[in-house]
N, C-alpha and C. Protein backbone atom coordinates (compact mmCIF):
# COMPACT_ATOMS: atom_id res chain seq x y z
N MET A 1 -58.10 9.66 17.32
CA MET A 1 -56.87 8.93 17.39
C MET A 1 -55.70 9.96 17.40
N GLU A 2 -54.86 9.72 18.33
CA GLU A 2 -53.69 10.64 18.52
C GLU A 2 -52.47 10.10 17.87
N ARG A 3 -51.82 11.00 17.06
CA ARG A 3 -50.62 10.61 16.38
C ARG A 3 -49.35 11.17 17.09
N SER A 4 -48.35 10.39 17.24
CA SER A 4 -47.11 10.75 17.87
C SER A 4 -46.19 11.43 16.92
N VAL A 5 -45.67 12.57 17.26
CA VAL A 5 -44.80 13.32 16.41
C VAL A 5 -43.40 13.11 17.11
N PRO A 6 -42.47 12.69 16.37
CA PRO A 6 -41.16 12.49 16.96
C PRO A 6 -40.54 13.80 17.31
N ASN A 7 -39.75 13.80 18.38
CA ASN A 7 -38.92 14.93 18.83
C ASN A 7 -37.92 15.20 17.73
N LYS A 8 -37.95 16.42 17.14
CA LYS A 8 -37.10 16.81 16.00
C LYS A 8 -35.65 16.82 16.48
N SER A 9 -35.24 17.34 17.59
CA SER A 9 -33.90 17.37 18.01
C SER A 9 -33.33 15.96 18.37
N ALA A 10 -34.16 15.12 18.87
CA ALA A 10 -33.80 13.69 19.02
C ALA A 10 -33.54 13.01 17.73
N ALA A 11 -34.36 13.30 16.67
CA ALA A 11 -34.10 12.66 15.40
C ALA A 11 -32.78 13.21 14.74
N VAL A 12 -32.53 14.46 14.87
CA VAL A 12 -31.29 15.13 14.35
C VAL A 12 -30.08 14.50 15.07
N ALA A 13 -30.14 14.31 16.38
CA ALA A 13 -29.03 13.70 17.14
C ALA A 13 -28.84 12.25 16.68
N MET A 14 -29.88 11.61 16.47
CA MET A 14 -29.78 10.17 16.04
C MET A 14 -29.09 10.11 14.62
N ALA A 15 -29.48 10.98 13.77
CA ALA A 15 -28.96 11.03 12.42
C ALA A 15 -27.48 11.34 12.41
N ILE A 16 -27.07 12.31 13.31
CA ILE A 16 -25.63 12.65 13.48
C ILE A 16 -24.84 11.42 14.01
N ALA A 17 -25.48 10.70 15.01
CA ALA A 17 -24.74 9.54 15.57
C ALA A 17 -24.59 8.43 14.52
N ILE A 18 -25.56 8.26 13.70
CA ILE A 18 -25.51 7.22 12.57
C ILE A 18 -24.41 7.65 11.63
N LEU A 19 -24.35 8.92 11.25
CA LEU A 19 -23.36 9.32 10.30
C LEU A 19 -22.00 9.14 10.84
N ALA A 20 -21.78 9.48 12.16
CA ALA A 20 -20.50 9.34 12.83
C ALA A 20 -20.05 7.85 12.79
N VAL A 21 -20.97 6.92 13.02
CA VAL A 21 -20.58 5.49 12.97
C VAL A 21 -20.12 5.13 11.57
N ILE A 22 -20.96 5.53 10.56
CA ILE A 22 -20.65 5.26 9.13
C ILE A 22 -19.36 5.88 8.75
N ALA A 23 -18.97 7.07 9.18
CA ALA A 23 -17.69 7.65 8.88
C ALA A 23 -16.51 6.97 9.47
N THR A 24 -16.71 6.37 10.60
CA THR A 24 -15.65 5.71 11.31
C THR A 24 -15.46 4.22 10.88
N THR A 25 -16.45 3.70 10.22
CA THR A 25 -16.34 2.30 9.81
C THR A 25 -16.25 2.07 8.37
N THR A 26 -16.27 3.20 7.52
CA THR A 26 -16.26 3.11 6.14
C THR A 26 -14.79 3.26 5.79
N THR A 27 -14.38 2.52 4.78
CA THR A 27 -12.96 2.60 4.29
C THR A 27 -12.88 4.03 3.50
N MET A 28 -11.82 4.54 3.57
CA MET A 28 -11.53 5.81 2.90
C MET A 28 -10.24 5.85 2.07
N ALA A 29 -10.46 5.91 0.72
CA ALA A 29 -9.32 6.02 -0.15
C ALA A 29 -8.75 7.43 0.06
N GLN A 30 -7.45 7.42 0.13
CA GLN A 30 -6.77 8.72 0.35
C GLN A 30 -5.63 8.85 -0.78
N ASP A 31 -5.84 9.78 -1.63
CA ASP A 31 -4.81 10.05 -2.70
C ASP A 31 -3.52 10.47 -1.99
N PHE A 32 -2.37 10.00 -2.53
CA PHE A 32 -1.18 10.41 -1.98
C PHE A 32 -0.88 11.87 -2.59
N THR A 33 -0.33 12.66 -1.82
CA THR A 33 0.08 13.99 -2.20
C THR A 33 1.21 13.88 -3.27
N GLU A 34 1.45 14.97 -3.91
CA GLU A 34 2.62 15.02 -4.85
C GLU A 34 3.88 14.71 -4.16
N GLU A 35 3.96 15.15 -2.94
CA GLU A 35 5.24 15.04 -2.09
C GLU A 35 5.35 13.55 -1.75
N GLU A 36 4.28 12.83 -1.37
CA GLU A 36 4.35 11.39 -1.05
C GLU A 36 4.70 10.52 -2.16
N LYS A 37 4.07 10.92 -3.44
CA LYS A 37 4.40 10.21 -4.72
C LYS A 37 5.93 10.32 -4.89
N ALA A 38 6.44 11.55 -4.78
CA ALA A 38 7.89 11.79 -5.00
C ALA A 38 8.70 10.97 -4.02
N GLN A 39 8.19 10.84 -2.77
CA GLN A 39 8.92 10.12 -1.76
C GLN A 39 8.93 8.60 -2.17
N PHE A 40 7.84 8.04 -2.65
CA PHE A 40 7.80 6.58 -3.05
C PHE A 40 8.82 6.45 -4.11
N VAL A 41 8.83 7.30 -5.16
CA VAL A 41 9.81 7.17 -6.20
C VAL A 41 11.22 7.24 -5.66
N LYS A 42 11.51 8.21 -4.86
CA LYS A 42 12.85 8.42 -4.31
C LYS A 42 13.32 7.12 -3.46
N LEU A 43 12.42 6.66 -2.58
CA LEU A 43 12.77 5.53 -1.79
C LEU A 43 13.00 4.26 -2.69
N HIS A 44 12.17 4.11 -3.68
CA HIS A 44 12.45 2.97 -4.61
C HIS A 44 13.79 3.10 -5.32
N ASN A 45 14.01 4.34 -5.86
CA ASN A 45 15.29 4.56 -6.53
C ASN A 45 16.52 4.43 -5.66
N ASP A 46 16.32 4.92 -4.38
CA ASP A 46 17.45 4.71 -3.40
C ASP A 46 17.79 3.21 -3.23
N ALA A 47 16.76 2.40 -3.11
CA ALA A 47 16.91 0.89 -2.83
C ALA A 47 17.56 0.32 -4.07
N ARG A 48 17.16 0.74 -5.22
CA ARG A 48 17.70 0.17 -6.48
C ARG A 48 19.12 0.66 -6.69
N ALA A 49 19.43 1.83 -6.32
CA ALA A 49 20.85 2.31 -6.48
C ALA A 49 21.82 1.53 -5.44
N ALA A 50 21.16 1.21 -4.35
CA ALA A 50 22.02 0.51 -3.33
C ALA A 50 22.52 -0.91 -3.69
N VAL A 51 21.88 -1.55 -4.69
CA VAL A 51 22.36 -2.87 -5.22
C VAL A 51 23.68 -2.78 -5.82
N GLY A 52 24.10 -1.61 -6.31
CA GLY A 52 25.43 -1.46 -6.84
C GLY A 52 25.55 -1.86 -8.33
N VAL A 53 24.43 -1.91 -9.05
CA VAL A 53 24.44 -2.30 -10.46
C VAL A 53 24.54 -0.91 -11.20
N SER A 54 25.51 -0.78 -12.04
CA SER A 54 25.76 0.55 -12.68
C SER A 54 24.61 0.94 -13.62
N ASN A 55 23.97 -0.01 -14.35
CA ASN A 55 22.93 0.38 -15.29
C ASN A 55 21.50 0.18 -14.77
N MET A 56 21.36 0.27 -13.48
CA MET A 56 19.98 -0.02 -12.84
C MET A 56 19.08 1.23 -13.26
N PRO A 57 17.99 0.99 -13.97
CA PRO A 57 17.13 2.07 -14.35
C PRO A 57 16.39 2.67 -13.14
N GLU A 58 16.04 3.93 -13.22
CA GLU A 58 15.22 4.42 -12.19
C GLU A 58 13.73 4.16 -12.41
N VAL A 59 12.88 4.26 -11.50
CA VAL A 59 11.42 4.14 -11.75
C VAL A 59 10.82 5.52 -11.70
N SER A 60 9.66 5.57 -12.26
CA SER A 60 8.91 6.89 -12.22
C SER A 60 7.41 6.48 -11.79
N TRP A 61 6.75 7.55 -11.34
CA TRP A 61 5.28 7.43 -10.95
C TRP A 61 4.44 7.32 -12.17
N ASP A 62 3.49 6.38 -12.14
CA ASP A 62 2.51 6.19 -13.33
C ASP A 62 1.12 6.22 -12.67
N GLU A 63 0.31 7.20 -13.09
CA GLU A 63 -1.10 7.27 -12.54
C GLU A 63 -1.95 6.04 -12.89
N THR A 64 -1.74 5.43 -14.01
CA THR A 64 -2.55 4.28 -14.38
C THR A 64 -2.25 3.14 -13.48
N VAL A 65 -0.91 2.95 -13.18
CA VAL A 65 -0.51 1.93 -12.30
C VAL A 65 -0.97 2.15 -10.93
N ALA A 66 -0.96 3.40 -10.49
CA ALA A 66 -1.46 3.92 -9.26
C ALA A 66 -2.99 3.64 -9.06
N ALA A 67 -3.75 3.94 -10.19
CA ALA A 67 -5.18 3.63 -10.03
C ALA A 67 -5.45 2.15 -9.80
N LYS A 68 -4.71 1.26 -10.41
CA LYS A 68 -4.89 -0.19 -10.22
C LYS A 68 -4.53 -0.56 -8.76
N ALA A 69 -3.47 -0.01 -8.18
CA ALA A 69 -3.07 -0.25 -6.83
C ALA A 69 -4.16 0.24 -5.91
N LEU A 70 -4.78 1.42 -6.18
CA LEU A 70 -5.81 1.97 -5.31
C LEU A 70 -7.04 1.03 -5.31
N GLU A 71 -7.35 0.56 -6.52
CA GLU A 71 -8.48 -0.39 -6.71
C GLU A 71 -8.28 -1.58 -5.77
N HIS A 72 -7.06 -2.24 -5.78
CA HIS A 72 -6.84 -3.34 -4.81
C HIS A 72 -7.00 -2.88 -3.38
N ALA A 73 -6.24 -1.74 -3.04
CA ALA A 73 -6.28 -1.25 -1.62
C ALA A 73 -7.71 -1.06 -1.15
N SER A 74 -8.56 -0.65 -2.04
CA SER A 74 -9.97 -0.32 -1.69
C SER A 74 -10.67 -1.65 -1.32
N THR A 75 -10.20 -2.80 -1.56
CA THR A 75 -10.98 -4.03 -1.21
C THR A 75 -10.53 -4.42 0.27
N CYS A 76 -9.48 -3.76 0.80
CA CYS A 76 -9.00 -4.07 2.12
C CYS A 76 -8.49 -5.47 2.30
N SER A 77 -8.18 -6.09 1.18
CA SER A 77 -7.75 -7.43 1.18
C SER A 77 -6.14 -7.57 1.30
N THR A 78 -5.73 -8.43 2.22
CA THR A 78 -4.21 -8.54 2.37
C THR A 78 -3.69 -9.65 1.49
N GLU A 79 -4.53 -10.23 0.59
CA GLU A 79 -4.10 -11.28 -0.38
C GLU A 79 -3.84 -10.59 -1.63
N HIS A 80 -2.67 -11.01 -2.28
CA HIS A 80 -2.30 -10.51 -3.59
C HIS A 80 -3.41 -10.92 -4.66
N ILE A 81 -3.66 -10.09 -5.60
CA ILE A 81 -4.69 -10.40 -6.65
C ILE A 81 -3.96 -10.45 -8.03
N LYS A 82 -4.45 -11.24 -8.89
CA LYS A 82 -3.98 -11.32 -10.20
C LYS A 82 -4.23 -10.09 -10.98
N GLY A 83 -3.27 -9.71 -11.74
CA GLY A 83 -3.43 -8.37 -12.49
C GLY A 83 -2.25 -8.30 -13.46
N PRO A 84 -2.29 -7.13 -14.18
CA PRO A 84 -1.24 -6.89 -15.16
C PRO A 84 0.10 -6.48 -14.51
N TYR A 85 0.14 -6.20 -13.21
CA TYR A 85 1.36 -5.60 -12.68
C TYR A 85 1.86 -6.48 -11.41
N GLY A 86 3.08 -6.25 -11.04
CA GLY A 86 3.61 -6.77 -9.89
C GLY A 86 3.06 -6.00 -8.71
N GLU A 87 3.08 -6.50 -7.47
CA GLU A 87 2.39 -5.91 -6.36
C GLU A 87 3.08 -6.16 -5.07
N ASN A 88 3.12 -5.19 -4.23
CA ASN A 88 3.54 -5.15 -2.84
C ASN A 88 2.48 -4.60 -2.01
N LEU A 89 2.14 -5.18 -0.80
CA LEU A 89 1.13 -4.77 0.08
C LEU A 89 1.81 -4.50 1.44
N TRP A 90 1.27 -3.57 2.10
CA TRP A 90 1.70 -3.22 3.48
C TRP A 90 0.47 -2.70 4.22
N TRP A 91 0.28 -3.19 5.54
CA TRP A 91 -0.80 -2.73 6.33
C TRP A 91 -0.27 -2.55 7.73
N GLY A 92 -0.85 -1.55 8.39
CA GLY A 92 -0.43 -1.22 9.75
C GLY A 92 -1.50 -0.48 10.54
N TRP A 93 -1.30 -0.35 11.81
CA TRP A 93 -2.29 0.40 12.56
C TRP A 93 -1.60 0.97 13.83
N SER A 94 -2.20 1.89 14.40
CA SER A 94 -1.66 2.62 15.59
C SER A 94 -2.79 3.08 16.41
N SER A 95 -2.60 3.22 17.72
CA SER A 95 -3.58 3.77 18.60
C SER A 95 -3.61 5.34 18.58
N ALA A 96 -2.67 5.84 17.89
CA ALA A 96 -2.52 7.35 17.80
C ALA A 96 -3.73 7.89 17.01
N THR A 97 -4.37 8.91 17.47
CA THR A 97 -5.49 9.53 16.73
C THR A 97 -4.99 10.12 15.50
N GLY A 98 -5.68 9.87 14.43
CA GLY A 98 -5.37 10.45 13.10
C GLY A 98 -4.17 9.77 12.40
N TRP A 99 -3.64 8.69 12.95
CA TRP A 99 -2.44 8.10 12.32
C TRP A 99 -2.90 7.45 10.98
N VAL A 100 -2.06 7.67 9.91
CA VAL A 100 -2.11 7.03 8.63
C VAL A 100 -0.83 6.55 8.19
N GLY A 101 -0.81 5.33 7.64
CA GLY A 101 0.49 4.88 7.08
C GLY A 101 1.14 5.70 6.04
N THR A 102 2.43 5.72 5.92
CA THR A 102 3.14 6.58 5.05
C THR A 102 3.98 5.80 4.07
N PRO A 103 4.48 6.44 3.02
CA PRO A 103 5.37 5.82 2.09
C PRO A 103 6.56 5.17 2.88
N THR A 104 7.06 5.98 3.82
CA THR A 104 8.25 5.45 4.56
C THR A 104 7.85 4.18 5.35
N ASP A 105 6.78 4.15 5.93
CA ASP A 105 6.37 2.90 6.69
C ASP A 105 6.34 1.66 5.76
N ALA A 106 5.81 1.79 4.58
CA ALA A 106 5.65 0.65 3.67
C ALA A 106 7.09 0.30 3.08
N MET A 107 7.81 1.28 2.71
CA MET A 107 9.05 1.09 2.02
C MET A 107 10.11 0.46 3.05
N LYS A 108 10.07 0.95 4.22
CA LYS A 108 10.99 0.36 5.25
C LYS A 108 10.77 -1.08 5.46
N PHE A 109 9.49 -1.50 5.55
CA PHE A 109 9.10 -2.92 5.71
C PHE A 109 9.63 -3.71 4.51
N TRP A 110 9.41 -3.27 3.31
CA TRP A 110 9.73 -4.00 2.10
C TRP A 110 11.38 -4.03 1.98
N VAL A 111 11.93 -2.88 2.15
CA VAL A 111 13.43 -2.79 1.89
C VAL A 111 14.20 -3.55 3.10
N ASP A 112 13.69 -3.67 4.24
CA ASP A 112 14.27 -4.32 5.30
C ASP A 112 14.38 -5.84 4.99
N GLU A 113 13.64 -6.38 4.01
CA GLU A 113 13.78 -7.77 3.72
C GLU A 113 15.07 -8.07 2.92
N LYS A 114 15.84 -7.00 2.57
CA LYS A 114 17.04 -7.27 1.83
C LYS A 114 18.03 -8.19 2.58
N GLN A 115 18.00 -8.11 3.86
CA GLN A 115 18.87 -9.04 4.63
C GLN A 115 18.59 -10.49 4.43
N PHE A 116 17.40 -10.90 3.88
CA PHE A 116 17.00 -12.27 3.63
C PHE A 116 17.21 -12.66 2.21
N TYR A 117 17.65 -11.79 1.38
CA TYR A 117 17.84 -12.15 -0.13
C TYR A 117 19.21 -12.61 -0.33
N ASP A 118 19.53 -13.74 -0.82
CA ASP A 118 20.83 -14.22 -1.23
C ASP A 118 20.86 -14.29 -2.74
N TYR A 119 21.68 -13.28 -3.26
CA TYR A 119 21.74 -13.10 -4.75
C TYR A 119 22.28 -14.28 -5.38
N GLY A 120 23.39 -14.92 -4.72
CA GLY A 120 23.99 -16.14 -5.38
C GLY A 120 22.95 -17.27 -5.66
N SER A 121 22.16 -17.51 -4.72
CA SER A 121 21.23 -18.63 -4.86
C SER A 121 19.88 -18.08 -5.50
N ASN A 122 19.71 -16.77 -5.47
CA ASN A 122 18.44 -16.19 -5.86
C ASN A 122 17.30 -16.73 -5.00
N GLN A 123 17.47 -16.79 -3.72
CA GLN A 123 16.58 -17.34 -2.73
C GLN A 123 16.40 -16.47 -1.57
N CYS A 124 15.24 -16.58 -0.90
CA CYS A 124 15.08 -15.93 0.40
C CYS A 124 15.65 -16.92 1.49
N VAL A 125 16.55 -16.37 2.32
CA VAL A 125 17.13 -17.27 3.34
C VAL A 125 16.88 -16.65 4.68
N GLY A 126 16.14 -17.40 5.50
CA GLY A 126 15.84 -16.96 6.88
C GLY A 126 14.63 -16.01 7.06
N GLY A 127 13.94 -15.73 5.94
CA GLY A 127 12.78 -14.80 6.06
C GLY A 127 12.29 -14.47 4.73
N GLU A 128 11.27 -13.65 4.66
CA GLU A 128 10.62 -13.21 3.41
C GLU A 128 11.47 -12.15 2.71
N CYS A 129 11.59 -12.30 1.37
CA CYS A 129 12.42 -11.24 0.64
C CYS A 129 11.81 -10.81 -0.65
N ARG A 130 10.62 -11.32 -1.00
CA ARG A 130 10.03 -11.04 -2.37
C ARG A 130 9.47 -9.66 -2.52
N HIS A 131 9.21 -9.05 -1.39
CA HIS A 131 8.82 -7.62 -1.51
C HIS A 131 9.98 -6.78 -1.91
N TYR A 132 11.06 -7.03 -1.28
CA TYR A 132 12.38 -6.49 -1.59
C TYR A 132 12.80 -6.66 -3.04
N THR A 133 12.71 -7.88 -3.48
CA THR A 133 13.15 -8.15 -4.89
C THR A 133 12.19 -7.47 -5.92
N GLN A 134 10.94 -7.26 -5.55
CA GLN A 134 10.06 -6.50 -6.48
C GLN A 134 10.51 -5.06 -6.46
N VAL A 135 10.81 -4.51 -5.38
CA VAL A 135 11.30 -3.10 -5.28
C VAL A 135 12.47 -2.89 -6.20
N VAL A 136 13.42 -3.86 -6.30
CA VAL A 136 14.73 -3.71 -6.99
C VAL A 136 14.65 -4.42 -8.30
N TRP A 137 13.53 -4.87 -8.78
CA TRP A 137 13.46 -5.60 -10.08
C TRP A 137 13.91 -4.68 -11.15
N SER A 138 14.97 -4.93 -11.81
CA SER A 138 15.69 -4.08 -12.80
C SER A 138 14.82 -3.66 -14.04
N ARG A 139 13.87 -4.52 -14.39
CA ARG A 139 13.06 -4.22 -15.62
C ARG A 139 11.85 -3.44 -15.26
N THR A 140 11.54 -3.26 -14.02
CA THR A 140 10.47 -2.42 -13.61
C THR A 140 10.87 -0.94 -13.85
N THR A 141 9.91 -0.17 -14.51
CA THR A 141 10.26 1.18 -14.85
C THR A 141 9.18 2.16 -14.27
N ALA A 142 8.06 1.63 -13.92
CA ALA A 142 6.87 2.45 -13.41
C ALA A 142 6.36 1.88 -12.17
N ILE A 143 5.99 2.73 -11.23
CA ILE A 143 5.31 2.34 -9.99
C ILE A 143 4.19 3.21 -9.83
N GLY A 144 3.20 2.76 -9.03
CA GLY A 144 2.03 3.60 -8.57
C GLY A 144 1.44 2.92 -7.39
N CYS A 145 1.07 3.70 -6.42
CA CYS A 145 0.59 3.14 -5.14
C CYS A 145 -0.79 3.72 -4.68
N GLY A 146 -1.49 3.02 -3.90
CA GLY A 146 -2.79 3.49 -3.41
C GLY A 146 -2.88 3.26 -1.91
N ARG A 147 -3.62 4.08 -1.27
CA ARG A 147 -3.73 3.91 0.24
C ARG A 147 -5.24 4.03 0.66
N VAL A 148 -5.63 3.17 1.51
CA VAL A 148 -6.91 3.14 1.97
C VAL A 148 -6.84 3.00 3.56
N THR A 149 -7.62 3.94 4.28
CA THR A 149 -7.67 3.91 5.74
C THR A 149 -8.94 3.22 6.15
N ASN A 150 -9.03 2.93 7.37
CA ASN A 150 -10.15 2.28 8.07
C ASN A 150 -10.57 0.94 7.53
N CYS A 151 -9.57 0.17 7.12
CA CYS A 151 -9.73 -1.22 6.74
C CYS A 151 -9.76 -2.02 8.07
N ASN A 152 -10.65 -3.02 8.13
CA ASN A 152 -10.62 -3.95 9.25
C ASN A 152 -9.76 -5.13 8.84
N ILE A 153 -8.52 -5.12 9.41
CA ILE A 153 -7.55 -6.14 9.10
C ILE A 153 -7.17 -6.78 10.44
N ASN A 154 -7.49 -8.10 10.58
CA ASN A 154 -7.20 -8.82 11.82
C ASN A 154 -7.84 -8.22 13.00
N GLY A 155 -8.95 -7.61 12.86
CA GLY A 155 -9.67 -7.02 13.94
C GLY A 155 -9.14 -5.58 14.35
N GLN A 156 -8.23 -5.08 13.63
CA GLN A 156 -7.76 -3.71 13.83
C GLN A 156 -8.21 -2.75 12.73
N THR A 157 -8.51 -1.56 13.10
CA THR A 157 -8.74 -0.54 12.17
C THR A 157 -7.33 -0.12 11.53
N SER A 158 -7.13 -0.40 10.29
CA SER A 158 -5.83 -0.29 9.73
C SER A 158 -5.76 0.58 8.45
N THR A 159 -4.48 0.94 8.04
CA THR A 159 -4.21 1.43 6.75
C THR A 159 -3.62 0.43 5.88
N LEU A 160 -4.08 0.33 4.62
CA LEU A 160 -3.57 -0.59 3.65
C LEU A 160 -2.95 0.19 2.54
N ILE A 161 -1.71 -0.10 2.24
CA ILE A 161 -0.90 0.48 1.12
C ILE A 161 -0.65 -0.64 0.13
N ALA A 162 -1.03 -0.41 -1.09
CA ALA A 162 -0.68 -1.23 -2.22
C ALA A 162 0.17 -0.50 -3.22
N CYS A 163 1.38 -1.10 -3.68
CA CYS A 163 2.11 -0.55 -4.73
C CYS A 163 2.19 -1.50 -5.83
N ASN A 164 1.91 -1.00 -7.07
CA ASN A 164 2.00 -1.86 -8.26
C ASN A 164 3.27 -1.46 -9.04
N TYR A 165 3.71 -2.49 -9.80
CA TYR A 165 4.99 -2.37 -10.56
C TYR A 165 4.78 -2.76 -11.99
N ASN A 166 5.30 -1.91 -12.94
CA ASN A 166 5.15 -2.21 -14.33
C ASN A 166 6.49 -2.13 -14.95
N PRO A 167 6.94 -3.08 -15.67
CA PRO A 167 6.45 -4.50 -15.60
C PRO A 167 6.77 -5.11 -14.20
N GLY A 168 5.96 -6.10 -13.95
CA GLY A 168 6.14 -6.81 -12.63
C GLY A 168 7.35 -7.66 -12.60
N GLY A 169 7.74 -7.94 -11.38
CA GLY A 169 9.01 -8.72 -11.21
C GLY A 169 8.67 -10.08 -10.50
N ASN A 170 9.71 -10.61 -9.82
CA ASN A 170 9.56 -11.91 -9.13
C ASN A 170 9.14 -12.97 -10.16
N ILE A 171 9.86 -13.05 -11.25
CA ILE A 171 9.51 -14.04 -12.24
C ILE A 171 10.46 -15.35 -11.98
N GLY A 172 9.76 -16.47 -11.78
CA GLY A 172 10.50 -17.63 -11.45
C GLY A 172 11.75 -17.87 -12.26
N GLY A 173 12.78 -18.23 -11.61
CA GLY A 173 14.13 -18.55 -12.18
C GLY A 173 14.86 -17.31 -12.64
N GLU A 174 14.37 -16.07 -12.47
CA GLU A 174 15.10 -14.96 -12.92
C GLU A 174 15.64 -14.17 -11.71
N LYS A 175 16.73 -13.61 -11.82
CA LYS A 175 17.33 -12.71 -10.78
C LYS A 175 16.70 -11.25 -10.95
N PRO A 176 16.53 -10.55 -9.88
CA PRO A 176 15.99 -9.25 -10.00
C PRO A 176 16.86 -8.21 -10.67
N TYR A 177 18.25 -8.47 -10.71
CA TYR A 177 19.10 -7.53 -11.42
C TYR A 177 20.37 -8.21 -11.81
């Protein structure tokens, strides 16, 4: 009886191909650099300062809050989840090789909702504004964000960024500041 011995180089090539597929389809959590964390804090504090309230507290980065945000981002879910913190989600994609969503991408999207917030009625008028109101929620003192790449969102390979807020905002009947 003759036994077939697989071609070793073909087996190695097949293993490499399988690993390449796994690497491109597996979600990848990416820690924010210290510079990106500082950028998130600055962009939040800039938006908060822009409301013109003299006693608006600044936010700072909190690693515990960030860990919870990363936990959510790792699910690749675009639905908000219940938890101890407020939450903003952003996702995006690009055909550019190596593209990854940045703090500026997420913050621009959320802060651009300012145009739809009517302080007098405390309502969103003409569009979504609750991401913006969470950014400027005056009782929030700590933020933390997480980023995951290679999420399949709406059929696109995407980056998902989740930011959590402690304490959370958007409490019914209350104004953000």
